[in-house]
Amino acid sequence: MIRPALAAILLLSLSTALSSCGNTARGLAQDGRDTSHALDNATHRVLGAGSKK
């Protein structure tokens, strides 16, 4: 009785841990895309300001 319960608890905790890792990886990928877009926009603003002179 104890072994199946222990196995179920272990499986649930492992599932939660893997889900957390997946969410972190998706969040880091989204942050990278957002940073890239922000840098691109800033570059275009700087280059556009220089060309107006």
PDB file of N, CA and C in Angstrom:
ATOM      1  N   MET A   1       0.827  -1.202   0.000  1.00  0.00           N
ATOM      2  CA  MET A   1       0.000   0.000   0.000  1.00  0.00           C
ATOM      3  C   MET A   1       0.862   1.252   0.000  1.00  0.00           C
ATOM      4  N   ILE A   2       1.963   1.217   0.731  1.00  0.00           N
ATOM      5  CA  ILE A   2       2.817   2.389   0.835  1.00  0.00           C
ATOM      6  C   ILE A   2       3.561   2.632  -0.483  1.00  0.00           C
ATOM      7  N   ARG A   3       4.008   1.578  -1.150  1.00  0.00           N
ATOM      8  CA  ARG A   3       4.772   1.749  -2.390  1.00  0.00           C
ATOM      9  C   ARG A   3       3.958   2.429  -3.494  1.00  0.00           C
ATOM     10  N   PRO A   4       2.725   2.003  -3.764  1.00  0.00           N
ATOM     11  CA  PRO A   4       1.960   2.702  -4.815  1.00  0.00           C
ATOM     12  C   PRO A   4       1.689   4.168  -4.470  1.00  0.00           C
ATOM     13  N   ALA A   5       1.438   4.446  -3.202  1.00  0.00           N
ATOM     14  CA  ALA A   5       1.205   5.832  -2.790  1.00  0.00           C
ATOM     15  C   ALA A   5       2.482   6.653  -2.949  1.00  0.00           C
ATOM     16  N   LEU A   6       3.607   6.076  -2.586  1.00  0.00           N
ATOM     17  CA  LEU A   6       4.883   6.761  -2.729  1.00  0.00           C
ATOM     18  C   LEU A   6       5.203   6.995  -4.199  1.00  0.00           C
ATOM     19  N   ALA A   7       4.921   6.002  -5.028  1.00  0.00           N
ATOM     20  CA  ALA A   7       5.151   6.147  -6.466  1.00  0.00           C
ATOM     21  C   ALA A   7       4.262   7.244  -7.054  1.00  0.00           C
ATOM     22  N   ALA A   8       3.031   7.327  -6.608  1.00  0.00           N
ATOM     23  CA  ALA A   8       2.117   8.356  -7.100  1.00  0.00           C
ATOM     24  C   ALA A   8       2.592   9.748  -6.682  1.00  0.00           C
ATOM     25  N   ILE A   9       3.044   9.885  -5.456  1.00  0.00           N
ATOM     26  CA  ILE A   9       3.549  11.172  -4.974  1.00  0.00           C
ATOM     27  C   ILE A   9       4.800  11.568  -5.757  1.00  0.00           C
ATOM     28  N   LEU A  10       5.687  10.632  -5.986  1.00  0.00           N
ATOM     29  CA  LEU A  10       6.902  10.890  -6.741  1.00  0.00           C
ATOM     30  C   LEU A  10       6.572  11.295  -8.181  1.00  0.00           C
ATOM     31  N   LEU A  11       5.625  10.615  -8.781  1.00  0.00           N
ATOM     32  CA  LEU A  11       5.223  10.926 -10.151  1.00  0.00           C
ATOM     33  C   LEU A  11       4.607  12.326 -10.240  1.00  0.00           C
ATOM     34  N   LEU A  12       3.770  12.679  -9.292  1.00  0.00           N
ATOM     35  CA  LEU A  12       3.165  14.009  -9.284  1.00  0.00           C
ATOM     36  C   LEU A  12       4.207  15.109  -9.080  1.00  0.00           C
ATOM     37  N   SER A  13       5.148  14.879  -8.185  1.00  0.00           N
ATOM     38  CA  SER A  13       6.174  15.896  -7.947  1.00  0.00           C
ATOM     39  C   SER A  13       7.104  16.031  -9.152  1.00  0.00           C
ATOM     40  N   LEU A  14       7.418  14.938  -9.803  1.00  0.00           N
ATOM     41  CA  LEU A  14       8.242  14.978 -11.012  1.00  0.00           C
ATOM     42  C   LEU A  14       7.513  15.702 -12.135  1.00  0.00           C
ATOM     43  N   SER A  15       6.241  15.435 -12.273  1.00  0.00           N
ATOM     44  CA  SER A  15       5.431  16.095 -13.292  1.00  0.00           C
ATOM     45  C   SER A  15       5.385  17.598 -13.055  1.00  0.00           C
ATOM     46  N   THR A  16       5.232  18.011 -11.814  1.00  0.00           N
ATOM     47  CA  THR A  16       5.200  19.432 -11.473  1.00  0.00           C
ATOM     48  C   THR A  16       6.543  20.088 -11.770  1.00  0.00           C
ATOM     49  N   ALA A  17       7.620  19.410 -11.432  1.00  0.00           N
ATOM     50  CA  ALA A  17       8.960  19.959 -11.669  1.00  0.00           C
ATOM     51  C   ALA A  17       9.217  20.129 -13.160  1.00  0.00           C
ATOM     52  N   LEU A  18       8.857  19.146 -13.951  1.00  0.00           N
ATOM     53  CA  LEU A  18       9.070  19.239 -15.397  1.00  0.00           C
ATOM     54  C   LEU A  18       8.199  20.321 -16.018  1.00  0.00           C
ATOM     55  N   SER A  19       7.001  20.482 -15.521  1.00  0.00           N
ATOM     56  CA  SER A  19       6.116  21.533 -16.007  1.00  0.00           C
ATOM     57  C   SER A  19       6.703  22.902 -15.708  1.00  0.00           C
ATOM     58  N   SER A  20       7.271  23.057 -14.532  1.00  0.00           N
ATOM     59  CA  SER A  20       7.899  24.325 -14.157  1.00  0.00           C
ATOM     60  C   SER A  20       9.076  24.638 -15.062  1.00  0.00           C
ATOM     61  N   CYS A  21       9.866  23.626 -15.387  1.00  0.00           N
ATOM     62  CA  CYS A  21      11.012  23.831 -16.284  1.00  0.00           C
ATOM     63  C   CYS A  21      10.534  24.262 -17.669  1.00  0.00           C
ATOM     64  N   GLY A  22       9.463  23.656 -18.142  1.00  0.00           N
ATOM     65  CA  GLY A  22       8.919  24.014 -19.449  1.00  0.00           C
ATOM     66  C   GLY A  22       8.409  25.443 -19.461  1.00  0.00           C
ATOM     67  N   ASN A  23       7.747  25.849 -18.395  1.00  0.00           N
ATOM     68  CA  ASN A  23       7.259  27.223 -18.311  1.00  0.00           C
ATOM     69  C   ASN A  23       8.411  28.216 -18.270  1.00  0.00           C
ATOM     70  N   THR A  24       9.481  27.869 -17.569  1.00  0.00           N
ATOM     71  CA  THR A  24      10.649  28.746 -17.494  1.00  0.00           C
ATOM     72  C   THR A  24      11.300  28.882 -18.864  1.00  0.00           C
ATOM     73  N   ALA A  25      11.428  27.781 -19.582  1.00  0.00           N
ATOM     74  CA  ALA A  25      12.042  27.828 -20.905  1.00  0.00           C
ATOM     75  C   ALA A  25      11.208  28.679 -21.860  1.00  0.00           C
ATOM     76  N   ARG A  26       9.899  28.542 -21.797  1.00  0.00           N
ATOM     77  CA  ARG A  26       9.036  29.367 -22.657  1.00  0.00           C
ATOM     78  C   ARG A  26       9.141  30.837 -22.284  1.00  0.00           C
ATOM     79  N   GLY A  27       9.216  31.121 -20.998  1.00  0.00           N
ATOM     80  CA  GLY A  27       9.350  32.496 -20.538  1.00  0.00           C
ATOM     81  C   GLY A  27      10.666  33.123 -20.979  1.00  0.00           C
ATOM     82  N   LEU A  28      11.755  32.362 -20.901  1.00  0.00           N
ATOM     83  CA  LEU A  28      13.044  32.867 -21.347  1.00  0.00           C
ATOM     84  C   LEU A  28      13.050  33.118 -22.852  1.00  0.00           C
ATOM     85  N   ALA A  29      12.423  32.243 -23.610  1.00  0.00           N
ATOM     86  CA  ALA A  29      12.342  32.435 -25.060  1.00  0.00           C
ATOM     87  C   ALA A  29      11.536  33.686 -25.390  1.00  0.00           C
ATOM     88  N   GLN A  30      10.441  33.901 -24.688  1.00  0.00           N
ATOM     89  CA  GLN A  30       9.619  35.094 -24.913  1.00  0.00           C
ATOM     90  C   GLN A  30      10.382  36.352 -24.540  1.00  0.00           C
ATOM     91  N   ASP A  31      11.128  36.316 -23.431  1.00  0.00           N
ATOM     92  CA  ASP A  31      11.936  37.464 -23.024  1.00  0.00           C
ATOM     93  C   ASP A  31      12.982  37.784 -24.082  1.00  0.00           C
ATOM     94  N   GLY A  32      13.587  36.768 -24.653  1.00  0.00           N
ATOM     95  CA  GLY A  32      14.579  36.974 -25.705  1.00  0.00           C
ATOM     96  C   GLY A  32      13.970  37.635 -26.929  1.00  0.00           C
ATOM     97  N   ARG A  33      12.785  37.195 -27.311  1.00  0.00           N
ATOM     98  CA  ARG A  33      12.107  37.805 -28.466  1.00  0.00           C
ATOM     99  C   ARG A  33      11.734  39.250 -28.172  1.00  0.00           C
ATOM    100  N   ASP A  34      11.227  39.504 -26.979  1.00  0.00           N
ATOM    101  CA  ASP A  34      10.854  40.876 -26.600  1.00  0.00           C
ATOM    102  C   ASP A  34      12.073  41.795 -26.586  1.00  0.00           C
ATOM    103  N   THR A  35      13.187  41.308 -26.052  1.00  0.00           N
ATOM    104  CA  THR A  35      14.412  42.098 -26.008  1.00  0.00           C
ATOM    105  C   THR A  35      14.910  42.396 -27.415  1.00  0.00           C
ATOM    106  N   SER A  36      14.846  41.413 -28.275  1.00  0.00           N
ATOM    107  CA  SER A  36      15.277  41.601 -29.659  1.00  0.00           C
ATOM    108  C   SER A  36      14.438  42.664 -30.357  1.00  0.00           C
ATOM    109  N   HIS A  37      13.135  42.620 -30.161  1.00  0.00           N
ATOM    110  CA  HIS A  37      12.248  43.616 -30.780  1.00  0.00           C
ATOM    111  C   HIS A  37      12.524  45.016 -30.220  1.00  0.00           C
ATOM    112  N   ALA A  38      12.745  45.102 -28.912  1.00  0.00           N
ATOM    113  CA  ALA A  38      13.020  46.402 -28.296  1.00  0.00           C
ATOM    114  C   ALA A  38      14.331  46.981 -28.819  1.00  0.00           C
ATOM    115  N   LEU A  39      15.347  46.147 -28.954  1.00  0.00           N
ATOM    116  CA  LEU A  39      16.628  46.605 -29.466  1.00  0.00           C
ATOM    117  C   LEU A  39      16.503  47.043 -30.924  1.00  0.00           C
ATOM    118  N   ASP A  40      15.760  46.303 -31.700  1.00  0.00           N
ATOM    119  CA  ASP A  40      15.538  46.660 -33.100  1.00  0.00           C
ATOM    120  C   ASP A  40      14.814  48.004 -33.215  1.00  0.00           C
ATOM    121  N   ASN A  41      13.790  48.198 -32.403  1.00  0.00           N
ATOM    122  CA  ASN A  41      13.052  49.470 -32.419  1.00  0.00           C
ATOM    123  C   ASN A  41      13.949  50.638 -31.994  1.00  0.00           C
ATOM    124  N   ALA A  42      14.763  50.426 -30.970  1.00  0.00           N
ATOM    125  CA  ALA A  42      15.658  51.486 -30.507  1.00  0.00           C
ATOM    126  C   ALA A  42      16.683  51.828 -31.582  1.00  0.00           C
ATOM    127  N   THR A  43      17.196  50.821 -32.262  1.00  0.00           N
ATOM    128  CA  THR A  43      18.174  51.054 -33.333  1.00  0.00           C
ATOM    129  C   THR A  43      17.552  51.868 -34.454  1.00  0.00           C
ATOM    130  N   HIS A  44      16.342  51.535 -34.826  1.00  0.00           N
ATOM    131  CA  HIS A  44      15.670  52.283 -35.889  1.00  0.00           C
ATOM    132  C   HIS A  44      15.409  53.730 -35.469  1.00  0.00           C
ATOM    133  N   ARG A  45      15.079  53.945 -34.202  1.00  0.00           N
ATOM    134  CA  ARG A  45      14.860  55.317 -33.722  1.00  0.00           C
ATOM    135  C   ARG A  45      16.153  56.122 -33.759  1.00  0.00           C
ATOM    136  N   VAL A  46      17.261  55.521 -33.333  1.00  0.00           N
ATOM    137  CA  VAL A  46      18.539  56.216 -33.316  1.00  0.00           C
ATOM    138  C   VAL A  46      18.985  56.529 -34.742  1.00  0.00           C
ATOM    139  N   LEU A  47      18.887  55.548 -35.621  1.00  0.00           N
ATOM    140  CA  LEU A  47      19.292  55.790 -37.010  1.00  0.00           C
ATOM    141  C   LEU A  47      18.378  56.801 -37.692  1.00  0.00           C
ATOM    142  N   GLY A  48      17.098  56.761 -37.360  1.00  0.00           N
ATOM    143  CA  GLY A  48      16.165  57.727 -37.937  1.00  0.00           C
ATOM    144  C   GLY A  48      16.438  59.130 -37.440  1.00  0.00           C
ATOM    145  N   ALA A  49      16.829  59.283 -36.178  1.00  0.00           N
ATOM    146  CA  ALA A  49      17.127  60.607 -35.636  1.00  0.00           C
ATOM    147  C   ALA A  49      18.399  61.170 -36.273  1.00  0.00           C
ATOM    148  N   GLY A  50      19.356  60.289 -36.561  1.00  0.00           N
ATOM    149  CA  GLY A  50      20.603  60.745 -37.189  1.00  0.00           C
ATOM    150  C   GLY A  50      20.410  61.182 -38.629  1.00  0.00           C
ATOM    151  N   SER A  51      19.445  60.596 -39.307  1.00  0.00           N
ATOM    152  CA  SER A  51      19.244  60.930 -40.717  1.00  0.00           C
ATOM    153  C   SER A  51      18.439  62.227 -40.903  1.00  0.00           C
ATOM    154  N   LYS A  52      17.789  62.721 -39.844  1.00  0.00           N
ATOM    155  CA  LYS A  52      16.968  63.931 -39.930  1.00  0.00           C
ATOM    156  C   LYS A  52      17.822  65.198 -39.873  1.00  0.00           C
ATOM    157  N   LYS A  53      19.084  65.076 -39.500  1.00  0.00           N
ATOM    158  CA  LYS A  53      19.954  66.268 -39.351  1.00  0.00           C
ATOM    159  C   LYS A  53      20.325  66.848 -40.680  1.00  0.00           C
TER     160      LYS A  53
END
